[in-house]
């Protein structure tokens, strides 16, 4: 499946699509952390919403974000390495 985005020169690695209330949200691995996109149509144009989580400093790597909703709260799970530490 090929998606259309409203920004140029960005990649959308490790995509995770989450639907809530008829709107779709896409969370991806990015250089700074996890970026978010949104769309009313899964096959329409995705709008860049910004970086939703990041770490500063050297030796940081993010991958495979995911979202779950429990009652009215949203939780993000993302794996990362910061320096020489492996964290979940």
PDB file of N, CA and C in Angstrom:
ATOM      1  N   UNK A   1       0.845  -1.154   0.000  1.00  0.00           N
ATOM      2  CA  UNK A   1       0.000   0.000   0.000  1.00  0.00           C
ATOM      3  C   UNK A   1       0.903   1.232   0.000  1.00  0.00           C
ATOM      4  N   UNK A   2       0.642   2.165  -0.900  1.00  0.00           N
ATOM      5  CA  UNK A   2       1.401   3.409  -0.988  1.00  0.00           C
ATOM      6  C   UNK A   2       0.548   4.536  -0.424  1.00  0.00           C
ATOM      7  N   UNK A   3       1.099   5.279   0.522  1.00  0.00           N
ATOM      8  CA  UNK A   3       0.383   6.385   1.148  1.00  0.00           C
ATOM      9  C   UNK A   3       0.904   7.714   0.612  1.00  0.00           C
ATOM     10  N   UNK A   4       0.067   8.739   0.640  1.00  0.00           N
ATOM     11  CA  UNK A   4       0.410  10.079   0.178  1.00  0.00           C
ATOM     12  C   UNK A   4       0.575  10.995   1.389  1.00  0.00           C
ATOM     13  N   UNK A   5       1.647  11.820   1.384  1.00  0.00           N
ATOM     14  CA  UNK A   5       1.946  12.694   2.520  1.00  0.00           C
ATOM     15  C   UNK A   5       2.040  14.151   2.083  1.00  0.00           C
ATOM     16  N   UNK A   6       1.737  15.079   2.997  1.00  0.00           N
ATOM     17  CA  UNK A   6       1.774  16.501   2.682  1.00  0.00           C
ATOM     18  C   UNK A   6       3.152  17.120   2.924  1.00  0.00           C
ATOM     19  N   UNK A   7       4.169  16.316   3.158  1.00  0.00           N
ATOM     20  CA  UNK A   7       5.533  16.806   3.353  1.00  0.00           C
ATOM     21  C   UNK A   7       6.464  16.064   2.401  1.00  0.00           C
ATOM     22  N   UNK A   8       7.557  16.698   2.051  1.00  0.00           N
ATOM     23  CA  UNK A   8       8.547  16.102   1.165  1.00  0.00           C
ATOM     24  C   UNK A   8       9.798  15.739   1.951  1.00  0.00           C
ATOM     25  N   UNK A   9      10.565  14.811   1.420  1.00  0.00           N
ATOM     26  CA  UNK A   9      11.874  14.443   1.967  1.00  0.00           C
ATOM     27  C   UNK A   9      11.822  13.910   3.393  1.00  0.00           C
ATOM     28  N   UNK A  10      10.766  13.199   3.727  1.00  0.00           N
ATOM     29  CA  UNK A  10      10.674  12.507   5.016  1.00  0.00           C
ATOM     30  C   UNK A  10      10.356  11.055   4.714  1.00  0.00           C
ATOM     31  N   UNK A  11      10.933  10.173   5.476  1.00  0.00           N
ATOM     32  CA  UNK A  11      10.592   8.760   5.321  1.00  0.00           C
ATOM     33  C   UNK A  11       9.664   8.360   6.467  1.00  0.00           C
ATOM     34  N   UNK A  12       8.937   7.302   6.258  1.00  0.00           N
ATOM     35  CA  UNK A  12       7.992   6.836   7.264  1.00  0.00           C
ATOM     36  C   UNK A  12       8.319   5.369   7.603  1.00  0.00           C
ATOM     37  N   UNK A  13       9.417   5.193   8.308  1.00  0.00           N
ATOM     38  CA  UNK A  13       9.865   3.844   8.665  1.00  0.00           C
ATOM     39  C   UNK A  13       9.051   3.273   9.824  1.00  0.00           C
ATOM     40  N   UNK A  14       8.912   1.972   9.856  1.00  0.00           N
ATOM     41  CA  UNK A  14       8.202   1.264  10.935  1.00  0.00           C
ATOM     42  C   UNK A  14       6.806   1.825  11.181  1.00  0.00           C
ATOM     43  N   UNK A  15       5.974   1.964  10.157  1.00  0.00           N
ATOM     44  CA  UNK A  15       4.674   2.613  10.339  1.00  0.00           C
ATOM     45  C   UNK A  15       3.711   1.815  11.221  1.00  0.00           C
ATOM     46  N   UNK A  16       2.976   2.541  12.043  1.00  0.00           N
ATOM     47  CA  UNK A  16       1.908   1.968  12.860  1.00  0.00           C
ATOM     48  C   UNK A  16       0.679   2.840  12.663  1.00  0.00           C
ATOM     49  N   UNK A  17      -0.412   2.265  12.139  1.00  0.00           N
ATOM     50  CA  UNK A  17      -1.643   3.013  11.899  1.00  0.00           C
ATOM     51  C   UNK A  17      -2.641   2.683  12.995  1.00  0.00           C
ATOM     52  N   UNK A  18      -3.235   3.737  13.530  1.00  0.00           N
ATOM     53  CA  UNK A  18      -4.192   3.622  14.625  1.00  0.00           C
ATOM     54  C   UNK A  18      -5.447   4.395  14.234  1.00  0.00           C
ATOM     55  N   UNK A  19      -6.616   3.795  14.365  1.00  0.00           N
ATOM     56  CA  UNK A  19      -7.880   4.455  14.035  1.00  0.00           C
ATOM     57  C   UNK A  19      -8.624   4.773  15.326  1.00  0.00           C
ATOM     58  N   UNK A  20      -9.168   5.980  15.396  1.00  0.00           N
ATOM     59  CA  UNK A  20      -9.949   6.377  16.561  1.00  0.00           C
ATOM     60  C   UNK A  20     -10.999   7.389  16.115  1.00  0.00           C
ATOM     61  N   UNK A  21     -12.250   7.087  16.332  1.00  0.00           N
ATOM     62  CA  UNK A  21     -13.336   7.997  15.992  1.00  0.00           C
ATOM     63  C   UNK A  21     -13.440   8.312  14.513  1.00  0.00           C
ATOM     64  N   UNK A  22     -13.059   7.382  13.658  1.00  0.00           N
ATOM     65  CA  UNK A  22     -13.132   7.596  12.221  1.00  0.00           C
ATOM     66  C   UNK A  22     -11.948   8.337  11.628  1.00  0.00           C
ATOM     67  N   UNK A  23     -10.985   8.702  12.438  1.00  0.00           N
ATOM     68  CA  UNK A  23      -9.767   9.375  11.966  1.00  0.00           C
ATOM     69  C   UNK A  23      -8.597   8.405  12.129  1.00  0.00           C
ATOM     70  N   UNK A  24      -7.659   8.485  11.203  1.00  0.00           N
ATOM     71  CA  UNK A  24      -6.507   7.594  11.221  1.00  0.00           C
ATOM     72  C   UNK A  24      -5.266   8.367  11.653  1.00  0.00           C
ATOM     73  N   UNK A  25      -4.433   7.696  12.431  1.00  0.00           N
ATOM     74  CA  UNK A  25      -3.188   8.275  12.923  1.00  0.00           C
ATOM     75  C   UNK A  25      -2.055   7.317  12.575  1.00  0.00           C
ATOM     76  N   UNK A  26      -0.972   7.868  12.102  1.00  0.00           N
ATOM     77  CA  UNK A  26       0.188   7.093  11.699  1.00  0.00           C
ATOM     78  C   UNK A  26       1.370   7.539  12.542  1.00  0.00           C
ATOM     79  N   UNK A  27       2.040   6.596  13.162  1.00  0.00           N
ATOM     80  CA  UNK A  27       3.225   6.871  13.972  1.00  0.00           C
ATOM     81  C   UNK A  27       4.397   6.162  13.318  1.00  0.00           C
ATOM     82  N   UNK A  28       5.517   6.876  13.146  1.00  0.00           N
ATOM     83  CA  UNK A  28       6.661   6.324  12.426  1.00  0.00           C
ATOM     84  C   UNK A  28       7.968   6.611  13.155  1.00  0.00           C
ATOM     85  N   UNK A  29       8.950   5.781  12.897  1.00  0.00           N
ATOM     86  CA  UNK A  29      10.309   5.995  13.380  1.00  0.00           C
ATOM     87  C   UNK A  29      10.931   7.122  12.562  1.00  0.00           C
ATOM     88  N   UNK A  30      11.554   8.074  13.231  1.00  0.00           N
ATOM     89  CA  UNK A  30      12.203   9.197  12.547  1.00  0.00           C
ATOM     90  C   UNK A  30      13.543   9.475  13.213  1.00  0.00           C
ATOM     91  N   UNK A  31      14.318  10.349  12.616  1.00  0.00           N
ATOM     92  CA  UNK A  31      15.640  10.660  13.142  1.00  0.00           C
ATOM     93  C   UNK A  31      15.631  11.230  14.547  1.00  0.00           C
ATOM     94  N   UNK A  32      14.673  12.098  14.840  1.00  0.00           N
ATOM     95  CA  UNK A  32      14.606  12.730  16.164  1.00  0.00           C
ATOM     96  C   UNK A  32      13.845  11.904  17.185  1.00  0.00           C
ATOM     97  N   UNK A  33      12.979  11.028  16.748  1.00  0.00           N
ATOM     98  CA  UNK A  33      12.129  10.263  17.657  1.00  0.00           C
ATOM     99  C   UNK A  33      10.983   9.642  16.915  1.00  0.00           C
ATOM    100  N   UNK A  34       9.778   9.845  17.387  1.00  0.00           N
ATOM    101  CA  UNK A  34       8.584   9.306  16.741  1.00  0.00           C
ATOM    102  C   UNK A  34       7.783  10.473  16.180  1.00  0.00           C
ATOM    103  N   UNK A  35       7.452  10.395  14.887  1.00  0.00           N
ATOM    104  CA  UNK A  35       6.633  11.413  14.239  1.00  0.00           C
ATOM    105  C   UNK A  35       5.210  10.909  14.079  1.00  0.00           C
ATOM    106  N   UNK A  36       4.259  11.851  14.041  1.00  0.00           N
ATOM    107  CA  UNK A  36       2.849  11.508  13.874  1.00  0.00           C
ATOM    108  C   UNK A  36       2.281  12.187  12.632  1.00  0.00           C
ATOM    109  N   UNK A  37       1.347  11.482  11.997  1.00  0.00           N
ATOM    110  CA  UNK A  37       0.592  11.978  10.851  1.00  0.00           C
ATOM    111  C   UNK A  37      -0.873  11.650  11.111  1.00  0.00           C
ATOM    112  N   UNK A  38      -1.775  12.368  10.431  1.00  0.00           N
ATOM    113  CA  UNK A  38      -3.193  12.069  10.575  1.00  0.00           C
ATOM    114  C   UNK A  38      -3.886  12.189   9.217  1.00  0.00           C
ATOM    115  N   UNK A  39      -5.031  11.489   9.099  1.00  0.00           N
ATOM    116  CA  UNK A  39      -5.807  11.544   7.870  1.00  0.00           C
ATOM    117  C   UNK A  39      -7.236  11.110   8.157  1.00  0.00           C
ATOM    118  N   UNK A  40      -8.192  11.713   7.446  1.00  0.00           N
ATOM    119  CA  UNK A  40      -9.585  11.279   7.541  1.00  0.00           C
ATOM    120  C   UNK A  40      -9.856  10.080   6.644  1.00  0.00           C
ATOM    121  N   UNK A  41      -8.956   9.832   5.691  1.00  0.00           N
ATOM    122  CA  UNK A  41      -9.098   8.739   4.728  1.00  0.00           C
ATOM    123  C   UNK A  41      -7.775   7.988   4.678  1.00  0.00           C
ATOM    124  N   UNK A  42      -7.800   6.716   4.976  1.00  0.00           N
ATOM    125  CA  UNK A  42      -6.551   5.932   5.029  1.00  0.00           C
ATOM    126  C   UNK A  42      -5.795   5.979   3.706  1.00  0.00           C
ATOM    127  N   UNK A  43      -6.525   6.144   2.583  1.00  0.00           N
ATOM    128  CA  UNK A  43      -5.886   6.216   1.271  1.00  0.00           C
ATOM    129  C   UNK A  43      -5.764   7.659   0.774  1.00  0.00           C
ATOM    130  N   UNK A  44      -6.126   8.644   1.620  1.00  0.00           N
ATOM    131  CA  UNK A  44      -6.021  10.061   1.261  1.00  0.00           C
ATOM    132  C   UNK A  44      -4.646  10.601   1.611  1.00  0.00           C
ATOM    133  N   UNK A  45      -4.525  11.911   1.690  1.00  0.00           N
ATOM    134  CA  UNK A  45      -3.268  12.555   2.025  1.00  0.00           C
ATOM    135  C   UNK A  45      -3.099  12.615   3.540  1.00  0.00           C
ATOM    136  N   UNK A  46      -1.914  12.239   4.000  1.00  0.00           N
ATOM    137  CA  UNK A  46      -1.591  12.253   5.423  1.00  0.00           C
ATOM    138  C   UNK A  46      -0.924  13.575   5.779  1.00  0.00           C
ATOM    139  N   UNK A  47      -1.392  14.210   6.857  1.00  0.00           N
ATOM    140  CA  UNK A  47      -0.868  15.492   7.336  1.00  0.00           C
ATOM    141  C   UNK A  47       0.175  15.244   8.430  1.00  0.00           C
ATOM    142  N   UNK A  48       1.326  15.878   8.280  1.00  0.00           N
ATOM    143  CA  UNK A  48       2.371  15.790   9.293  1.00  0.00           C
ATOM    144  C   UNK A  48       1.938  16.568  10.524  1.00  0.00           C
ATOM    145  N   UNK A  49       1.915  15.914  11.692  1.00  0.00           N
ATOM    146  CA  UNK A  49       1.494  16.545  12.950  1.00  0.00           C
ATOM    147  C   UNK A  49       2.674  16.952  13.818  1.00  0.00           C
ATOM    148  N   UNK A  50       3.851  16.371  13.577  1.00  0.00           N
ATOM    149  CA  UNK A  50       5.038  16.739  14.338  1.00  0.00           C
ATOM    150  C   UNK A  50       5.683  15.561  15.043  1.00  0.00           C
ATOM    151  N   UNK A  51       6.737  15.871  15.777  1.00  0.00           N
ATOM    152  CA  UNK A  51       7.449  14.871  16.580  1.00  0.00           C
ATOM    153  C   UNK A  51       6.698  14.740  17.900  1.00  0.00           C
ATOM    154  N   UNK A  52       6.304  13.519  18.252  1.00  0.00           N
ATOM    155  CA  UNK A  52       5.513  13.325  19.469  1.00  0.00           C
ATOM    156  C   UNK A  52       6.333  12.817  20.646  1.00  0.00           C
ATOM    157  N   UNK A  53       7.493  12.280  20.399  1.00  0.00           N
ATOM    158  CA  UNK A  53       8.404  11.890  21.484  1.00  0.00           C
ATOM    159  C   UNK A  53       9.826  11.873  20.943  1.00  0.00           C
ATOM    160  N   UNK A  54      10.766  12.307  21.772  1.00  0.00           N
ATOM    161  CA  UNK A  54      12.166  12.320  21.348  1.00  0.00           C
ATOM    162  C   UNK A  54      13.079  12.322  22.565  1.00  0.00           C
ATOM    163  N   UNK A  55      14.317  11.972  22.322  1.00  0.00           N
ATOM    164  CA  UNK A  55      15.385  12.061  23.320  1.00  0.00           C
ATOM    165  C   UNK A  55      16.458  12.973  22.758  1.00  0.00           C
ATOM    166  N   UNK A  56      17.172  13.648  23.620  1.00  0.00           N
ATOM    167  CA  UNK A  56      18.291  14.458  23.176  1.00  0.00           C
ATOM    168  C   UNK A  56      19.582  13.747  23.554  1.00  0.00           C
ATOM    169  N   UNK A  57      20.654  14.157  22.934  1.00  0.00           N
ATOM    170  CA  UNK A  57      21.954  13.565  23.236  1.00  0.00           C
ATOM    171  C   UNK A  57      22.408  12.624  22.140  1.00  0.00           C
ATOM    172  N   UNK A  58      23.566  12.052  22.366  1.00  0.00           N
ATOM    173  CA  UNK A  58      24.160  11.178  21.366  1.00  0.00           C
ATOM    174  C   UNK A  58      23.729   9.731  21.569  1.00  0.00           C
ATOM    175  N   UNK A  59      23.884   8.953  20.522  1.00  0.00           N
ATOM    176  CA  UNK A  59      23.652   7.515  20.613  1.00  0.00           C
ATOM    177  C   UNK A  59      22.207   7.122  20.818  1.00  0.00           C
ATOM    178  N   UNK A  60      21.281   7.852  20.214  1.00  0.00           N
ATOM    179  CA  UNK A  60      19.868   7.508  20.395  1.00  0.00           C
ATOM    180  C   UNK A  60      19.319   6.876  19.115  1.00  0.00           C
ATOM    181  N   UNK A  61      18.550   5.852  19.264  1.00  0.00           N
ATOM    182  CA  UNK A  61      17.917   5.173  18.144  1.00  0.00           C
ATOM    183  C   UNK A  61      16.516   4.764  18.571  1.00  0.00           C
ATOM    184  N   UNK A  62      15.523   5.051  17.746  1.00  0.00           N
ATOM    185  CA  UNK A  62      14.139   4.687  18.006  1.00  0.00           C
ATOM    186  C   UNK A  62      13.678   3.708  16.943  1.00  0.00           C
ATOM    187  N   UNK A  63      12.717   2.890  17.267  1.00  0.00           N
ATOM    188  CA  UNK A  63      12.077   2.073  16.249  1.00  0.00           C
ATOM    189  C   UNK A  63      10.763   1.497  16.766  1.00  0.00           C
ATOM    190  N   UNK A  64       9.911   1.155  15.821  1.00  0.00           N
ATOM    191  CA  UNK A  64       8.671   0.405  16.043  1.00  0.00           C
ATOM    192  C   UNK A  64       7.711   1.013  17.071  1.00  0.00           C
ATOM    193  N   UNK A  65       7.239   2.245  16.847  1.00  0.00           N
ATOM    194  CA  UNK A  65       6.251   2.797  17.770  1.00  0.00           C
ATOM    195  C   UNK A  65       4.890   2.111  17.614  1.00  0.00           C
ATOM    196  N   UNK A  66       4.139   2.067  18.673  1.00  0.00           N
ATOM    197  CA  UNK A  66       2.756   1.572  18.615  1.00  0.00           C
ATOM    198  C   UNK A  66       1.935   2.300  19.671  1.00  0.00           C
ATOM    199  N   UNK A  67       0.628   2.327  19.451  1.00  0.00           N
ATOM    200  CA  UNK A  67      -0.298   3.035  20.334  1.00  0.00           C
ATOM    201  C   UNK A  67      -1.407   2.089  20.741  1.00  0.00           C
ATOM    202  N   UNK A  68      -1.821   2.156  21.988  1.00  0.00           N
ATOM    203  CA  UNK A  68      -3.033   1.468  22.421  1.00  0.00           C
ATOM    204  C   UNK A  68      -3.896   2.469  23.181  1.00  0.00           C
ATOM    205  N   UNK A  69      -5.182   2.223  23.198  1.00  0.00           N
ATOM    206  CA  UNK A  69      -6.109   3.063  23.935  1.00  0.00           C
ATOM    207  C   UNK A  69      -6.802   2.190  24.969  1.00  0.00           C
ATOM    208  N   UNK A  70      -6.761   2.625  26.213  1.00  0.00           N
ATOM    209  CA  UNK A  70      -7.460   1.946  27.305  1.00  0.00           C
ATOM    210  C   UNK A  70      -8.365   2.991  27.940  1.00  0.00           C
ATOM    211  N   UNK A  71      -9.651   2.747  27.822  1.00  0.00           N
ATOM    212  CA  UNK A  71     -10.670   3.712  28.244  1.00  0.00           C
ATOM    213  C   UNK A  71     -10.415   5.032  27.517  1.00  0.00           C
ATOM    214  N   UNK A  72     -10.158   6.113  28.210  1.00  0.00           N
ATOM    215  CA  UNK A  72      -9.944   7.404  27.559  1.00  0.00           C
ATOM    216  C   UNK A  72      -8.480   7.827  27.518  1.00  0.00           C
ATOM    217  N   UNK A  73      -7.568   6.889  27.756  1.00  0.00           N
ATOM    218  CA  UNK A  73      -6.145   7.220  27.764  1.00  0.00           C
ATOM    219  C   UNK A  73      -5.438   6.481  26.632  1.00  0.00           C
ATOM    220  N   UNK A  74      -4.435   7.159  26.078  1.00  0.00           N
ATOM    221  CA  UNK A  74      -3.630   6.604  24.993  1.00  0.00           C
ATOM    222  C   UNK A  74      -2.224   6.345  25.533  1.00  0.00           C
ATOM    223  N   UNK A  75      -1.653   5.217  25.130  1.00  0.00           N
ATOM    224  CA  UNK A  75      -0.312   4.842  25.570  1.00  0.00           C
ATOM    225  C   UNK A  75       0.538   4.532  24.357  1.00  0.00           C
ATOM    226  N   UNK A  76       1.748   5.077  24.347  1.00  0.00           N
ATOM    227  CA  UNK A  76       2.685   4.796  23.270  1.00  0.00           C
ATOM    228  C   UNK A  76       3.766   3.853  23.776  1.00  0.00           C
ATOM    229  N   UNK A  77       4.038   2.857  22.977  1.00  0.00           N
ATOM    230  CA  UNK A  77       5.145   1.949  23.232  1.00  0.00           C
ATOM    231  C   UNK A  77       6.155   2.152  22.117  1.00  0.00           C
ATOM    232  N   UNK A  78       7.413   2.340  22.490  1.00  0.00           N
ATOM    233  CA  UNK A  78       8.471   2.507  21.503  1.00  0.00           C
ATOM    234  C   UNK A  78       9.762   1.967  22.103  1.00  0.00           C
ATOM    235  N   UNK A  79      10.504   1.248  21.304  1.00  0.00           N
ATOM    236  CA  UNK A  79      11.803   0.733  21.752  1.00  0.00           C
ATOM    237  C   UNK A  79      12.872   1.755  21.394  1.00  0.00           C
ATOM    238  N   UNK A  80      13.897   1.871  22.231  1.00  0.00           N
ATOM    239  CA  UNK A  80      14.981   2.785  21.906  1.00  0.00           C
ATOM    240  C   UNK A  80      16.267   2.390  22.602  1.00  0.00           C
ATOM    241  N   UNK A  81      17.348   2.876  22.029  1.00  0.00           N
ATOM    242  CA  UNK A  81      18.683   2.753  22.620  1.00  0.00           C
ATOM    243  C   UNK A  81      19.151   4.180  22.879  1.00  0.00           C
ATOM    244  N   UNK A  82      19.638   4.412  24.063  1.00  0.00           N
ATOM    245  CA  UNK A  82      20.209   5.715  24.420  1.00  0.00           C
ATOM    246  C   UNK A  82      21.605   5.451  24.945  1.00  0.00           C
ATOM    247  N   UNK A  83      22.612   5.902  24.203  1.00  0.00           N
ATOM    248  CA  UNK A  83      23.992   5.591  24.585  1.00  0.00           C
ATOM    249  C   UNK A  83      24.208   4.099  24.474  1.00  0.00           C
ATOM    250  N   UNK A  84      24.673   3.471  25.541  1.00  0.00           N
ATOM    251  CA  UNK A  84      24.888   2.033  25.541  1.00  0.00           C
ATOM    252  C   UNK A  84      23.774   1.277  26.240  1.00  0.00           C
ATOM    253  N   UNK A  85      22.706   1.976  26.624  1.00  0.00           N
ATOM    254  CA  UNK A  85      21.595   1.336  27.326  1.00  0.00           C
ATOM    255  C   UNK A  85      20.523   0.877  26.350  1.00  0.00           C
ATOM    256  N   UNK A  86      20.003  -0.303  26.548  1.00  0.00           N
ATOM    257  CA  UNK A  86      18.857  -0.781  25.781  1.00  0.00           C
ATOM    258  C   UNK A  86      17.642  -0.661  26.689  1.00  0.00           C
ATOM    259  N   UNK A  87      16.623   0.058  26.249  1.00  0.00           N
ATOM    260  CA  UNK A  87      15.454   0.285  27.085  1.00  0.00           C
ATOM    261  C   UNK A  87      14.177  -0.040  26.309  1.00  0.00           C
ATOM    262  N   UNK A  88      13.125  -0.349  27.029  1.00  0.00           N
ATOM    263  CA  UNK A  88      11.826  -0.615  26.400  1.00  0.00           C
ATOM    264  C   UNK A  88      10.857   0.445  26.832  1.00  0.00           C
TER     265      UNK A  88
END
